[in-house]
Amino acid sequence: DDDHVVKGVHACLDEARAVGLDSVSGRRFLRTAAG
């Protein structure tokens, strides 16, 4: 129900895909989205 969560998770997933899901930065973005 929180628009900020929707936008934040979407941004994190986009960035994770851009840098590579298996990279250190990609995994950090995924952890942030999950958090």
PDB file of all heavy atoms in Angstrom:
ATOM      1  N   ASP A   1       0.820  -1.216   0.000  1.00  0.00           N
ATOM      2  CA  ASP A   1       0.000   0.000   0.000  1.00  0.00           C
ATOM      3  C   ASP A   1       0.849   1.260   0.000  1.00  0.00           C
ATOM      4  O   ASP A   1       0.325   2.361  -0.146  1.00  0.00           O
ATOM      5  CB  ASP A   1      -0.910   0.020   1.233  1.00  0.00           C
ATOM      6  CG  ASP A   1      -1.960  -1.067   1.191  1.00  0.00           C
ATOM      7  OD1 ASP A   1      -2.317  -1.516   0.081  1.00  0.00           O
ATOM      8  OD2 ASP A   1      -2.434  -1.480   2.265  1.00  0.00           O
ATOM      9  N   ASP A   2       2.152   1.099   0.175  1.00  0.00           N
ATOM     10  CA  ASP A   2       3.064   2.240   0.280  1.00  0.00           C
ATOM     11  C   ASP A   2       3.727   2.502  -1.068  1.00  0.00           C
ATOM     12  O   ASP A   2       4.526   1.706  -1.556  1.00  0.00           O
ATOM     13  CB  ASP A   2       4.125   1.937   1.347  1.00  0.00           C
ATOM     14  CG  ASP A   2       5.008   3.122   1.657  1.00  0.00           C
ATOM     15  OD1 ASP A   2       5.086   4.064   0.847  1.00  0.00           O
ATOM     16  OD2 ASP A   2       5.643   3.103   2.733  1.00  0.00           O
ATOM     17  N   ASP A   3       3.390   3.635  -1.684  1.00  0.00           N
ATOM     18  CA  ASP A   3       3.957   3.981  -2.991  1.00  0.00           C
ATOM     19  C   ASP A   3       5.474   4.071  -2.961  1.00  0.00           C
ATOM     20  O   ASP A   3       6.136   3.754  -3.947  1.00  0.00           O
ATOM     21  CB  ASP A   3       3.404   5.319  -3.483  1.00  0.00           C
ATOM     22  CG  ASP A   3       1.949   5.254  -3.879  1.00  0.00           C
ATOM     23  OD1 ASP A   3       1.419   4.131  -4.017  1.00  0.00           O
ATOM     24  OD2 ASP A   3       1.340   6.323  -4.058  1.00  0.00           O
ATOM     25  N   HIS A   4       6.031   4.505  -1.840  1.00  0.00           N
ATOM     26  CA  HIS A   4       7.484   4.626  -1.736  1.00  0.00           C
ATOM     27  C   HIS A   4       8.153   3.253  -1.800  1.00  0.00           C
ATOM     28  O   HIS A   4       9.219   3.104  -2.401  1.00  0.00           O
ATOM     29  CB  HIS A   4       7.878   5.358  -0.456  1.00  0.00           C
ATOM     30  CG  HIS A   4       7.439   6.776  -0.446  1.00  0.00           C
ATOM     31  ND1 HIS A   4       6.273   7.175   0.148  1.00  0.00           N
ATOM     32  CD2 HIS A   4       7.991   7.890  -0.983  1.00  0.00           C
ATOM     33  CE1 HIS A   4       6.130   8.476  -0.014  1.00  0.00           C
ATOM     34  NE2 HIS A   4       7.160   8.931  -0.707  1.00  0.00           N
ATOM     35  N   VAL A   5       7.534   2.262  -1.212  1.00  0.00           N
ATOM     36  CA  VAL A   5       8.067   0.893  -1.270  1.00  0.00           C
ATOM     37  C   VAL A   5       8.012   0.386  -2.704  1.00  0.00           C
ATOM     38  O   VAL A   5       8.986  -0.182  -3.209  1.00  0.00           O
ATOM     39  CB  VAL A   5       7.298  -0.044  -0.317  1.00  0.00           C
ATOM     40  CG1 VAL A   5       7.668  -1.497  -0.555  1.00  0.00           C
ATOM     41  CG2 VAL A   5       7.565   0.337   1.125  1.00  0.00           C
ATOM     42  N   VAL A   6       6.900   0.594  -3.374  1.00  0.00           N
ATOM     43  CA  VAL A   6       6.747   0.145  -4.760  1.00  0.00           C
ATOM     44  C   VAL A   6       7.838   0.762  -5.627  1.00  0.00           C
ATOM     45  O   VAL A   6       8.546   0.063  -6.365  1.00  0.00           O
ATOM     46  CB  VAL A   6       5.352   0.499  -5.310  1.00  0.00           C
ATOM     47  CG1 VAL A   6       5.241   0.127  -6.779  1.00  0.00           C
ATOM     48  CG2 VAL A   6       4.262  -0.178  -4.491  1.00  0.00           C
ATOM     49  N   LYS A   7       8.011   2.068  -5.538  1.00  0.00           N
ATOM     50  CA  LYS A   7       9.012   2.767  -6.356  1.00  0.00           C
ATOM     51  C   LYS A   7      10.432   2.364  -5.967  1.00  0.00           C
ATOM     52  O   LYS A   7      11.292   2.189  -6.828  1.00  0.00           O
ATOM     53  CB  LYS A   7       8.835   4.278  -6.204  1.00  0.00           C
ATOM     54  CG  LYS A   7       7.551   4.783  -6.809  1.00  0.00           C
ATOM     55  CD  LYS A   7       7.353   6.261  -6.518  1.00  0.00           C
ATOM     56  CE  LYS A   7       5.985   6.718  -6.969  1.00  0.00           C
ATOM     57  NZ  LYS A   7       5.730   8.111  -6.618  1.00  0.00           N
ATOM     58  N   GLY A   8      10.690   2.234  -4.677  1.00  0.00           N
ATOM     59  CA  GLY A   8      12.024   1.872  -4.209  1.00  0.00           C
ATOM     60  C   GLY A   8      12.431   0.479  -4.645  1.00  0.00           C
ATOM     61  O   GLY A   8      13.555   0.263  -5.114  1.00  0.00           O
ATOM     62  N   VAL A   9      11.525  -0.474  -4.503  1.00  0.00           N
ATOM     63  CA  VAL A   9      11.824  -1.849  -4.920  1.00  0.00           C
ATOM     64  C   VAL A   9      12.018  -1.899  -6.428  1.00  0.00           C
ATOM     65  O   VAL A   9      12.953  -2.535  -6.926  1.00  0.00           O
ATOM     66  CB  VAL A   9      10.723  -2.820  -4.451  1.00  0.00           C
ATOM     67  CG1 VAL A   9      10.904  -4.189  -5.086  1.00  0.00           C
ATOM     68  CG2 VAL A   9      10.727  -2.931  -2.939  1.00  0.00           C
ATOM     69  N   HIS A  10      11.165  -1.211  -7.171  1.00  0.00           N
ATOM     70  CA  HIS A  10      11.293  -1.176  -8.631  1.00  0.00           C
ATOM     71  C   HIS A  10      12.661  -0.617  -9.030  1.00  0.00           C
ATOM     72  O   HIS A  10      13.351  -1.191  -9.892  1.00  0.00           O
ATOM     73  CB  HIS A  10      10.167  -0.329  -9.234  1.00  0.00           C
ATOM     74  CG  HIS A  10      10.242  -0.194 -10.712  1.00  0.00           C
ATOM     75  ND1 HIS A  10       9.948  -1.227 -11.572  1.00  0.00           N
ATOM     76  CD2 HIS A  10      10.609   0.854 -11.489  1.00  0.00           C
ATOM     77  CE1 HIS A  10      10.127  -0.811 -12.818  1.00  0.00           C
ATOM     78  NE2 HIS A  10      10.520   0.444 -12.790  1.00  0.00           N
ATOM     79  N   ALA A  11      13.084   0.463  -8.399  1.00  0.00           N
ATOM     80  CA  ALA A  11      14.387   1.065  -8.706  1.00  0.00           C
ATOM     81  C   ALA A  11      15.525   0.106  -8.363  1.00  0.00           C
ATOM     82  O   ALA A  11      16.482  -0.037  -9.138  1.00  0.00           O
ATOM     83  CB  ALA A  11      14.550   2.380  -7.949  1.00  0.00           C
ATOM     84  N   CYS A  12      15.426  -0.560  -7.224  1.00  0.00           N
ATOM     85  CA  CYS A  12      16.471  -1.508  -6.827  1.00  0.00           C
ATOM     86  C   CYS A  12      16.566  -2.674  -7.810  1.00  0.00           C
ATOM     87  O   CYS A  12      17.666  -3.101  -8.163  1.00  0.00           O
ATOM     88  CB  CYS A  12      16.216  -2.039  -5.420  1.00  0.00           C
ATOM     89  SG  CYS A  12      16.563  -0.851  -4.117  1.00  0.00           S
ATOM     90  N   LEU A  13      15.428  -3.193  -8.234  1.00  0.00           N
ATOM     91  CA  LEU A  13      15.443  -4.301  -9.191  1.00  0.00           C
ATOM     92  C   LEU A  13      16.030  -3.868 -10.530  1.00  0.00           C
ATOM     93  O   LEU A  13      16.816  -4.597 -11.136  1.00  0.00           O
ATOM     94  CB  LEU A  13      14.037  -4.872  -9.371  1.00  0.00           C
ATOM     95  CG  LEU A  13      13.409  -5.523  -8.141  1.00  0.00           C
ATOM     96  CD1 LEU A  13      12.017  -6.055  -8.475  1.00  0.00           C
ATOM     97  CD2 LEU A  13      14.285  -6.613  -7.573  1.00  0.00           C
ATOM     98  N   ASP A  14      15.683  -2.668 -10.991  1.00  0.00           N
ATOM     99  CA  ASP A  14      16.249  -2.147 -12.242  1.00  0.00           C
ATOM    100  C   ASP A  14      17.762  -2.000 -12.139  1.00  0.00           C
ATOM    101  O   ASP A  14      18.504  -2.371 -13.049  1.00  0.00           O
ATOM    102  CB  ASP A  14      15.631  -0.792 -12.597  1.00  0.00           C
ATOM    103  CG  ASP A  14      14.272  -0.918 -13.245  1.00  0.00           C
ATOM    104  OD1 ASP A  14      13.860  -2.050 -13.582  1.00  0.00           O
ATOM    105  OD2 ASP A  14      13.611   0.128 -13.405  1.00  0.00           O
ATOM    106  N   GLU A  15      18.224  -1.444 -11.031  1.00  0.00           N
ATOM    107  CA  GLU A  15      19.661  -1.254 -10.848  1.00  0.00           C
ATOM    108  C   GLU A  15      20.388  -2.593 -10.729  1.00  0.00           C
ATOM    109  O   GLU A  15      21.481  -2.753 -11.271  1.00  0.00           O
ATOM    110  CB  GLU A  15      19.944  -0.387  -9.622  1.00  0.00           C
ATOM    111  CG  GLU A  15      19.528   1.056  -9.788  1.00  0.00           C
ATOM    112  CD  GLU A  15      20.269   1.770 -10.901  1.00  0.00           C
ATOM    113  OE1 GLU A  15      21.478   1.515 -11.109  1.00  0.00           O
ATOM    114  OE2 GLU A  15      19.638   2.581 -11.603  1.00  0.00           O
ATOM    115  N   ALA A  16      19.791  -3.542 -10.034  1.00  0.00           N
ATOM    116  CA  ALA A  16      20.405  -4.863  -9.896  1.00  0.00           C
ATOM    117  C   ALA A  16      20.575  -5.518 -11.268  1.00  0.00           C
ATOM    118  O   ALA A  16      21.617  -6.115 -11.558  1.00  0.00           O
ATOM    119  CB  ALA A  16      19.569  -5.745  -8.974  1.00  0.00           C
ATOM    120  N   ARG A  17      19.553  -5.392 -12.097  1.00  0.00           N
ATOM    121  CA  ARG A  17      19.652  -5.953 -13.459  1.00  0.00           C
ATOM    122  C   ARG A  17      20.717  -5.221 -14.268  1.00  0.00           C
ATOM    123  O   ARG A  17      21.441  -5.842 -15.045  1.00  0.00           O
ATOM    124  CB  ARG A  17      18.303  -5.858 -14.167  1.00  0.00           C
ATOM    125  CG  ARG A  17      17.272  -6.818 -13.647  1.00  0.00           C
ATOM    126  CD  ARG A  17      15.980  -6.721 -14.472  1.00  0.00           C
ATOM    127  NE  ARG A  17      14.891  -7.445 -13.868  1.00  0.00           N
ATOM    128  CZ  ARG A  17      13.876  -6.899 -13.225  1.00  0.00           C
ATOM    129  NH1 ARG A  17      13.778  -5.580 -13.109  1.00  0.00           N
ATOM    130  NH2 ARG A  17      12.928  -7.637 -12.697  1.00  0.00           N
ATOM    131  N   ALA A  18      20.817  -3.918 -14.097  1.00  0.00           N
ATOM    132  CA  ALA A  18      21.765  -3.116 -14.884  1.00  0.00           C
ATOM    133  C   ALA A  18      23.213  -3.456 -14.548  1.00  0.00           C
ATOM    134  O   ALA A  18      24.063  -3.500 -15.442  1.00  0.00           O
ATOM    135  CB  ALA A  18      21.500  -1.631 -14.657  1.00  0.00           C
ATOM    136  N   VAL A  19      23.507  -3.676 -13.271  1.00  0.00           N
ATOM    137  CA  VAL A  19      24.900  -3.946 -12.870  1.00  0.00           C
ATOM    138  C   VAL A  19      25.220  -5.432 -12.864  1.00  0.00           C
ATOM    139  O   VAL A  19      26.383  -5.816 -12.746  1.00  0.00           O
ATOM    140  CB  VAL A  19      25.240  -3.323 -11.497  1.00  0.00           C
ATOM    141  CG1 VAL A  19      25.081  -1.815 -11.536  1.00  0.00           C
ATOM    142  CG2 VAL A  19      24.425  -3.928 -10.382  1.00  0.00           C
ATOM    143  N   GLY A  20      24.202  -6.261 -12.974  1.00  0.00           N
ATOM    144  CA  GLY A  20      24.403  -7.710 -12.960  1.00  0.00           C
ATOM    145  C   GLY A  20      23.934  -8.297 -11.644  1.00  0.00           C
ATOM    146  O   GLY A  20      24.386  -7.872 -10.577  1.00  0.00           O
ATOM    147  N   LEU A  21      23.047  -9.245 -11.726  1.00  0.00           N
ATOM    148  CA  LEU A  21      22.436  -9.810 -10.521  1.00  0.00           C
ATOM    149  C   LEU A  21      23.438 -10.542  -9.638  1.00  0.00           C
ATOM    150  O   LEU A  21      23.256 -10.623  -8.431  1.00  0.00           O
ATOM    151  CB  LEU A  21      21.301 -10.756 -10.909  1.00  0.00           C
ATOM    152  CG  LEU A  21      20.146 -10.118 -11.667  1.00  0.00           C
ATOM    153  CD1 LEU A  21      19.169 -11.183 -12.122  1.00  0.00           C
ATOM    154  CD2 LEU A  21      19.459  -9.066 -10.816  1.00  0.00           C
ATOM    155  N   ASP A  22      24.505 -11.060 -10.232  1.00  0.00           N
ATOM    156  CA  ASP A  22      25.497 -11.805  -9.463  1.00  0.00           C
ATOM    157  C   ASP A  22      26.663 -10.950  -9.004  1.00  0.00           C
ATOM    158  O   ASP A  22      27.566 -11.447  -8.332  1.00  0.00           O
ATOM    159  CB  ASP A  22      26.021 -12.987 -10.278  1.00  0.00           C
ATOM    160  CG  ASP A  22      24.946 -14.040 -10.500  1.00  0.00           C
ATOM    161  OD1 ASP A  22      24.094 -14.199  -9.608  1.00  0.00           O
ATOM    162  OD2 ASP A  22      24.964 -14.686 -11.558  1.00  0.00           O
ATOM    163  N   SER A  23      26.657  -9.672  -9.347  1.00  0.00           N
ATOM    164  CA  SER A  23      27.741  -8.788  -8.903  1.00  0.00           C
ATOM    165  C   SER A  23      27.499  -8.382  -7.444  1.00  0.00           C
ATOM    166  O   SER A  23      26.403  -8.524  -6.904  1.00  0.00           O
ATOM    167  CB  SER A  23      27.803  -7.539  -9.784  1.00  0.00           C
ATOM    168  OG  SER A  23      26.677  -6.709  -9.549  1.00  0.00           O
ATOM    169  N   VAL A  24      28.538  -7.871  -6.820  1.00  0.00           N
ATOM    170  CA  VAL A  24      28.413  -7.408  -5.437  1.00  0.00           C
ATOM    171  C   VAL A  24      27.355  -6.315  -5.348  1.00  0.00           C
ATOM    172  O   VAL A  24      26.493  -6.346  -4.469  1.00  0.00           O
ATOM    173  CB  VAL A  24      29.778  -6.902  -4.906  1.00  0.00           C
ATOM    174  CG1 VAL A  24      29.620  -6.230  -3.560  1.00  0.00           C
ATOM    175  CG2 VAL A  24      30.774  -8.044  -4.833  1.00  0.00           C
ATOM    176  N   SER A  25      27.395  -5.378  -6.264  1.00  0.00           N
ATOM    177  CA  SER A  25      26.413  -4.282  -6.253  1.00  0.00           C
ATOM    178  C   SER A  25      25.007  -4.797  -6.538  1.00  0.00           C
ATOM    179  O   SER A  25      24.041  -4.354  -5.913  1.00  0.00           O
ATOM    180  CB  SER A  25      26.792  -3.218  -7.281  1.00  0.00           C
ATOM    181  OG  SER A  25      27.993  -2.588  -6.917  1.00  0.00           O
ATOM    182  N   GLY A  26      24.882  -5.720  -7.461  1.00  0.00           N
ATOM    183  CA  GLY A  26      23.571  -6.284  -7.779  1.00  0.00           C
ATOM    184  C   GLY A  26      22.953  -6.975  -6.577  1.00  0.00           C
ATOM    185  O   GLY A  26      21.774  -6.789  -6.274  1.00  0.00           O
ATOM    186  N   ARG A  27      23.760  -7.753  -5.866  1.00  0.00           N
ATOM    187  CA  ARG A  27      23.250  -8.435  -4.668  1.00  0.00           C
ATOM    188  C   ARG A  27      22.883  -7.425  -3.581  1.00  0.00           C
ATOM    189  O   ARG A  27      21.920  -7.622  -2.844  1.00  0.00           O
ATOM    190  CB  ARG A  27      24.281  -9.439  -4.155  1.00  0.00           C
ATOM    191  CG  ARG A  27      24.414 -10.640  -5.079  1.00  0.00           C
ATOM    192  CD  ARG A  27      25.240 -11.755  -4.476  1.00  0.00           C
ATOM    193  NE  ARG A  27      26.562 -11.344  -4.041  1.00  0.00           N
ATOM    194  CZ  ARG A  27      27.665 -11.403  -4.782  1.00  0.00           C
ATOM    195  NH1 ARG A  27      27.594 -11.862  -6.018  1.00  0.00           N
ATOM    196  NH2 ARG A  27      28.819 -11.008  -4.313  1.00  0.00           N
ATOM    197  N   ARG A  28      23.630  -6.335  -3.509  1.00  0.00           N
ATOM    198  CA  ARG A  28      23.317  -5.292  -2.525  1.00  0.00           C
ATOM    199  C   ARG A  28      21.970  -4.642  -2.840  1.00  0.00           C
ATOM    200  O   ARG A  28      21.170  -4.406  -1.943  1.00  0.00           O
ATOM    201  CB  ARG A  28      24.433  -4.248  -2.510  1.00  0.00           C
ATOM    202  CG  ARG A  28      24.289  -3.229  -1.407  1.00  0.00           C
ATOM    203  CD  ARG A  28      25.504  -2.327  -1.296  1.00  0.00           C
ATOM    204  NE  ARG A  28      26.648  -3.121  -0.905  1.00  0.00           N
ATOM    205  CZ  ARG A  28      27.865  -2.995  -1.459  1.00  0.00           C
ATOM    206  NH1 ARG A  28      28.073  -2.124  -2.413  1.00  0.00           N
ATOM    207  NH2 ARG A  28      28.865  -3.738  -1.058  1.00  0.00           N
ATOM    208  N   PHE A  29      21.713  -4.375  -4.125  1.00  0.00           N
ATOM    209  CA  PHE A  29      20.418  -3.809  -4.514  1.00  0.00           C
ATOM    210  C   PHE A  29      19.281  -4.771  -4.178  1.00  0.00           C
ATOM    211  O   PHE A  29      18.217  -4.358  -3.718  1.00  0.00           O
ATOM    212  CB  PHE A  29      20.389  -3.470  -6.008  1.00  0.00           C
ATOM    213  CG  PHE A  29      21.069  -2.173  -6.350  1.00  0.00           C
ATOM    214  CD1 PHE A  29      22.170  -2.156  -7.191  1.00  0.00           C
ATOM    215  CD2 PHE A  29      20.603  -0.972  -5.856  1.00  0.00           C
ATOM    216  CE1 PHE A  29      22.795  -0.970  -7.532  1.00  0.00           C
ATOM    217  CE2 PHE A  29      21.218   0.231  -6.173  1.00  0.00           C
ATOM    218  CZ  PHE A  29      22.315   0.228  -7.009  1.00  0.00           C
ATOM    219  N   LEU A  30      19.500  -6.070  -4.401  1.00  0.00           N
ATOM    220  CA  LEU A  30      18.459  -7.061  -4.098  1.00  0.00           C
ATOM    221  C   LEU A  30      18.209  -7.143  -2.600  1.00  0.00           C
ATOM    222  O   LEU A  30      17.059  -7.253  -2.168  1.00  0.00           O
ATOM    223  CB  LEU A  30      18.850  -8.419  -4.651  1.00  0.00           C
ATOM    224  CG  LEU A  30      18.904  -8.516  -6.173  1.00  0.00           C
ATOM    225  CD1 LEU A  30      19.385  -9.888  -6.599  1.00  0.00           C
ATOM    226  CD2 LEU A  30      17.553  -8.200  -6.790  1.00  0.00           C
ATOM    227  N   ARG A  31      19.265  -7.086  -1.791  1.00  0.00           N
ATOM    228  CA  ARG A  31      19.085  -7.090  -0.331  1.00  0.00           C
ATOM    229  C   ARG A  31      18.325  -5.851   0.115  1.00  0.00           C
ATOM    230  O   ARG A  31      17.483  -5.916   1.020  1.00  0.00           O
ATOM    231  CB  ARG A  31      20.433  -7.164   0.383  1.00  0.00           C
ATOM    232  CG  ARG A  31      21.014  -8.543   0.441  1.00  0.00           C
ATOM    233  CD  ARG A  31      22.157  -8.640   1.414  1.00  0.00           C
ATOM    234  NE  ARG A  31      23.191  -7.624   1.235  1.00  0.00           N
ATOM    235  CZ  ARG A  31      24.236  -7.743   0.430  1.00  0.00           C
ATOM    236  NH1 ARG A  31      24.409  -8.851  -0.274  1.00  0.00           N
ATOM    237  NH2 ARG A  31      25.122  -6.786   0.327  1.00  0.00           N
ATOM    238  N   THR A  32      18.613  -4.711  -0.491  1.00  0.00           N
ATOM    239  CA  THR A  32      17.914  -3.474  -0.147  1.00  0.00           C
ATOM    240  C   THR A  32      16.434  -3.594  -0.484  1.00  0.00           C
ATOM    241  O   THR A  32      15.576  -3.201   0.307  1.00  0.00           O
ATOM    242  CB  THR A  32      18.545  -2.278  -0.890  1.00  0.00           C
ATOM    243  OG1 THR A  32      19.927  -2.178  -0.510  1.00  0.00           O
ATOM    244  CG2 THR A  32      17.824  -0.989  -0.556  1.00  0.00           C
ATOM    245  N   ALA A  33      16.125  -4.141  -1.659  1.00  0.00           N
ATOM    246  CA  ALA A  33      14.722  -4.327  -2.057  1.00  0.00           C
ATOM    247  C   ALA A  33      14.015  -5.234  -1.078  1.00  0.00           C
ATOM    248  O   ALA A  33      12.892  -4.928  -0.624  1.00  0.00           O
ATOM    249  CB  ALA A  33      14.652  -4.899  -3.472  1.00  0.00           C
ATOM    250  N   ALA A  34      14.653  -6.336  -0.699  1.00  0.00           N
ATOM    251  CA  ALA A  34      14.037  -7.271   0.248  1.00  0.00           C
ATOM    252  C   ALA A  34      13.844  -6.597   1.604  1.00  0.00           C
ATOM    253  O   ALA A  34      12.829  -6.806   2.264  1.00  0.00           O
ATOM    254  CB  ALA A  34      14.904  -8.522   0.384  1.00  0.00           C
ATOM    255  N   GLY A  35      14.792  -5.782   2.006  1.00  0.00           N
ATOM    256  CA  GLY A  35      14.679  -5.076   3.285  1.00  0.00           C
ATOM    257  C   GLY A  35      13.538  -4.073   3.301  1.00  0.00           C
ATOM    258  O   GLY A  35      12.868  -3.900   4.314  1.00  0.00           O
TER     259      GLY A  35
END
